[in-house]
Amino acid sequence: MFFHIVLERNMQLHPRHFGRNLRENLVSKLMKDVEGTCSGRHGFVVAITGIENVGKGLIRDGTGFVTFPVKYQCVVFRPFKGEILEAAVTMVNKMGFFAETGPVQIFVSNHLIPDDMEFQSGDMPNYTTSDGSVKIQKDSEVRLKIIGTRVDATEIFCIGTIKDDFLGVINDPTTA
């Protein structure tokens, strides 16, 4: 889920940012470039918590830019198979539904939804139990279990299920 790790990155800085505030400019550029990005290996970078080391700069020939090796601590979010998460439903269709938890989008197939829930089409598509007591629709909050992940270079995709004990709707927007 969340991890506190140390990463390294080479940062290029334009000469106009040199001077008294060199370190502050480097840190603000690092935060702007790194926070909110996803690396397939480590996950989504949530926040930079500290700078461990800024190495000596190397001047780039012909441009005047200087490359600084920066070692920093950050909090990353990476979902794993078997993990239980709470997510908000963003879209419902006859194939299943999509839910988001933070930056991760999770798809729950209709085969991974309990058998007593039926798809109802209309202006607000949803999955409803036969007695109508439980409804999954857009903006519902669900507790789900990740059963698979696929990692690309810049994205993480997940497949989830609510067909297990203690999983399913935890907050229905129609009753709130």
Protein backbone atom coordinates (compact mmCIF):
# COMPACT_ATOMS: atom_id res chain seq x y z
CA MET A 1 0.00 0.00 0.00
CA PHE A 2 2.06 3.01 1.22
CA PHE A 3 5.84 2.85 1.47
CA HIS A 4 8.51 5.35 2.52
CA ILE A 5 11.47 4.88 0.16
CA VAL A 6 14.62 6.64 -1.03
CA LEU A 7 14.88 7.45 -4.75
CA GLU A 8 17.43 9.22 -6.91
CA ARG A 9 16.93 11.53 -9.87
CA ASN A 10 19.11 13.73 -12.05
CA MET A 11 17.63 17.23 -12.14
CA GLN A 12 18.49 19.79 -14.84
CA LEU A 13 18.42 23.41 -13.76
CA HIS A 14 18.61 26.52 -15.95
CA PRO A 15 21.36 29.04 -15.06
CA ARG A 16 18.79 31.73 -14.19
CA HIS A 17 17.90 29.68 -11.06
CA PHE A 18 21.47 29.80 -9.71
CA GLY A 19 22.33 32.01 -6.74
CA ARG A 20 21.30 32.14 -3.11
CA ASN A 21 18.16 30.04 -3.63
CA LEU A 22 19.75 27.28 -5.72
CA ARG A 23 18.78 24.46 -3.35
CA GLU A 24 15.21 25.77 -2.88
CA ASN A 25 14.78 26.09 -6.66
CA LEU A 26 16.08 22.54 -7.12
CA VAL A 27 13.73 21.15 -4.45
CA SER A 28 10.67 22.98 -5.84
CA LYS A 29 11.46 21.74 -9.38
CA LEU A 30 11.86 18.19 -8.01
CA MET A 31 8.49 18.37 -6.25
CA LYS A 32 6.80 19.76 -9.37
CA ASP A 33 8.33 17.07 -11.61
CA VAL A 34 7.97 14.03 -9.34
CA GLU A 35 4.91 14.35 -7.06
CA GLY A 36 1.84 12.75 -8.63
CA THR A 37 3.78 10.69 -11.16
CA CYS A 38 3.79 6.91 -11.46
CA SER A 39 6.72 4.60 -11.96
CA GLY A 40 5.78 1.01 -12.65
CA ARG A 41 8.52 -0.23 -10.36
CA HIS A 42 7.78 1.85 -7.25
CA GLY A 43 4.16 3.00 -7.70
CA PHE A 44 2.59 6.46 -7.46
CA VAL A 45 4.71 9.13 -5.78
CA VAL A 46 2.38 10.75 -3.24
CA ALA A 47 4.74 13.23 -1.58
CA ILE A 48 8.42 14.05 -1.16
CA THR A 49 9.21 14.00 2.54
CA GLY A 50 12.85 15.05 2.53
CA ILE A 51 16.03 15.62 0.57
CA GLU A 52 18.94 13.40 1.60
CA ASN A 53 21.65 14.69 -0.70
CA VAL A 54 22.22 17.06 -3.60
CA GLY A 55 25.37 16.08 -5.50
CA LYS A 56 27.79 18.30 -7.38
CA GLY A 57 26.37 19.75 -10.57
CA LEU A 58 27.66 18.83 -14.01
CA ILE A 59 27.53 21.55 -16.68
CA ARG A 60 25.89 20.41 -19.94
CA ASP A 61 27.93 21.41 -22.99
CA GLY A 62 26.30 23.96 -25.28
CA THR A 63 23.19 24.62 -23.17
CA GLY A 64 24.44 26.03 -19.87
CA PHE A 65 22.06 23.76 -17.96
CA VAL A 66 23.51 21.99 -14.93
CA THR A 67 22.57 18.42 -13.97
CA PHE A 68 22.41 17.72 -10.23
CA PRO A 69 22.04 14.19 -8.83
CA VAL A 70 19.40 14.42 -6.07
CA LYS A 71 18.67 11.69 -3.52
CA TYR A 72 15.27 12.13 -1.84
CA GLN A 73 12.81 10.38 0.46
CA CYS A 74 9.21 9.98 -0.64
CA VAL A 75 5.94 8.24 0.14
CA VAL A 76 4.72 5.97 -2.66
CA PHE A 77 1.38 4.17 -3.13
CA ARG A 78 1.48 0.73 -4.73
CA PRO A 79 -1.45 -1.71 -4.63
CA PHE A 80 -0.75 -5.45 -4.38
CA LYS A 81 -2.72 -8.59 -5.18
CA GLY A 82 -4.80 -9.69 -2.17
CA GLU A 83 -5.01 -6.19 -0.69
CA ILE A 84 -8.34 -4.86 0.60
CA LEU A 85 -9.14 -1.26 -0.38
CA GLU A 86 -12.01 1.17 -0.11
CA ALA A 87 -12.89 2.88 -3.38
CA ALA A 88 -15.45 5.22 -4.95
CA VAL A 89 -17.44 3.89 -7.92
CA THR A 90 -16.92 6.09 -11.00
CA MET A 91 -18.79 4.19 -13.73
CA VAL A 92 -21.25 1.29 -13.90
CA ASN A 93 -22.10 -0.74 -17.01
CA LYS A 94 -23.34 -4.26 -17.84
CA MET A 95 -19.74 -5.55 -17.92
CA GLY A 96 -19.09 -4.48 -14.30
CA PHE A 97 -17.99 -1.25 -12.68
CA PHE A 98 -14.92 0.99 -12.35
CA ALA A 99 -13.85 2.39 -8.99
CA GLU A 100 -11.04 4.72 -7.96
CA THR A 101 -8.96 4.79 -4.82
CA GLY A 102 -6.47 7.63 -4.97
CA PRO A 103 -4.75 7.54 -8.36
CA VAL A 104 -5.55 3.85 -9.04
CA GLN A 105 -8.48 2.76 -11.20
CA ILE A 106 -9.90 -0.69 -10.41
CA PHE A 107 -12.28 -2.71 -12.60
CA VAL A 108 -14.70 -5.17 -11.02
CA SER A 109 -16.21 -7.54 -13.61
CA ASN A 110 -19.85 -8.63 -13.33
CA HIS A 111 -18.48 -12.17 -12.74
CA LEU A 112 -16.78 -10.85 -9.58
CA ILE A 113 -19.96 -9.27 -8.21
CA PRO A 114 -22.18 -11.47 -5.96
CA ASP A 115 -24.68 -13.61 -7.91
CA ASP A 116 -27.71 -12.08 -6.16
CA MET A 117 -26.94 -8.65 -7.70
CA GLU A 118 -28.51 -7.83 -11.07
CA PHE A 119 -27.57 -5.05 -13.51
CA GLN A 120 -30.28 -2.39 -13.88
CA SER A 121 -29.99 -0.10 -16.90
CA GLY A 122 -31.58 3.34 -17.12
CA ASP A 123 -30.59 6.92 -16.44
CA MET A 124 -28.55 5.76 -13.40
CA PRO A 125 -27.17 2.27 -14.20
CA ASN A 126 -26.55 0.14 -11.12
CA TYR A 127 -26.26 -3.33 -9.64
CA THR A 128 -29.06 -4.08 -7.17
CA THR A 129 -29.85 -7.07 -4.94
CA SER A 130 -33.14 -8.90 -5.58
CA ASP A 131 -34.73 -7.35 -2.46
CA GLY A 132 -33.39 -3.87 -3.36
CA SER A 133 -31.54 -3.43 -0.06
CA VAL A 134 -28.07 -2.96 -1.59
CA LYS A 135 -27.29 -0.84 -4.65
CA ILE A 136 -23.98 -0.16 -6.41
CA GLN A 137 -24.07 2.96 -8.56
CA LYS A 138 -21.90 5.96 -9.44
CA ASP A 139 -20.47 7.61 -6.28
CA SER A 140 -21.13 4.53 -4.08
CA GLU A 141 -18.27 3.59 -1.78
CA VAL A 142 -17.23 -0.05 -1.91
CA ARG A 143 -14.76 -2.25 -0.07
CA LEU A 144 -13.03 -4.54 -2.56
CA LYS A 145 -10.17 -6.98 -2.83
CA ILE A 146 -7.53 -6.68 -5.54
CA ILE A 147 -7.13 -9.99 -7.36
CA GLY A 148 -4.76 -8.84 -10.10
CA THR A 149 -2.49 -5.97 -11.11
CA ARG A 150 -0.81 -5.03 -14.36
CA VAL A 151 2.10 -2.63 -14.24
CA ASP A 152 3.09 -0.47 -17.21
CA ALA A 153 5.95 2.02 -17.27
CA THR A 154 3.70 4.90 -16.17
CA GLU A 155 0.44 3.29 -14.96
CA ILE A 156 -0.89 0.55 -12.69
CA PHE A 157 -4.14 -1.23 -13.59
CA CYS A 158 -6.08 -3.40 -11.12
CA ILE A 159 -8.86 -5.98 -11.22
CA GLY A 160 -10.94 -6.37 -8.08
CA THR A 161 -13.73 -8.45 -6.59
CA ILE A 162 -16.53 -7.87 -4.10
CA LYS A 163 -17.52 -11.55 -4.10
CA ASP A 164 -16.03 -12.35 -0.69
CA ASP A 165 -16.86 -11.98 3.00
CA PHE A 166 -17.05 -8.40 4.34
CA LEU A 167 -16.70 -6.87 0.86
CA GLY A 168 -19.25 -4.72 -0.97
CA VAL A 169 -21.04 -1.42 -0.50
CA ILE A 170 -19.99 0.55 2.58
CA ASN A 171 -21.75 3.83 1.70
CA ASP A 172 -24.66 4.37 -0.69
CA PRO A 173 -25.12 7.98 -1.93
CA THR A 174 -28.92 7.56 -2.18
CA THR A 175 -29.26 6.91 1.57
CA ALA A 176 -26.94 9.74 2.65
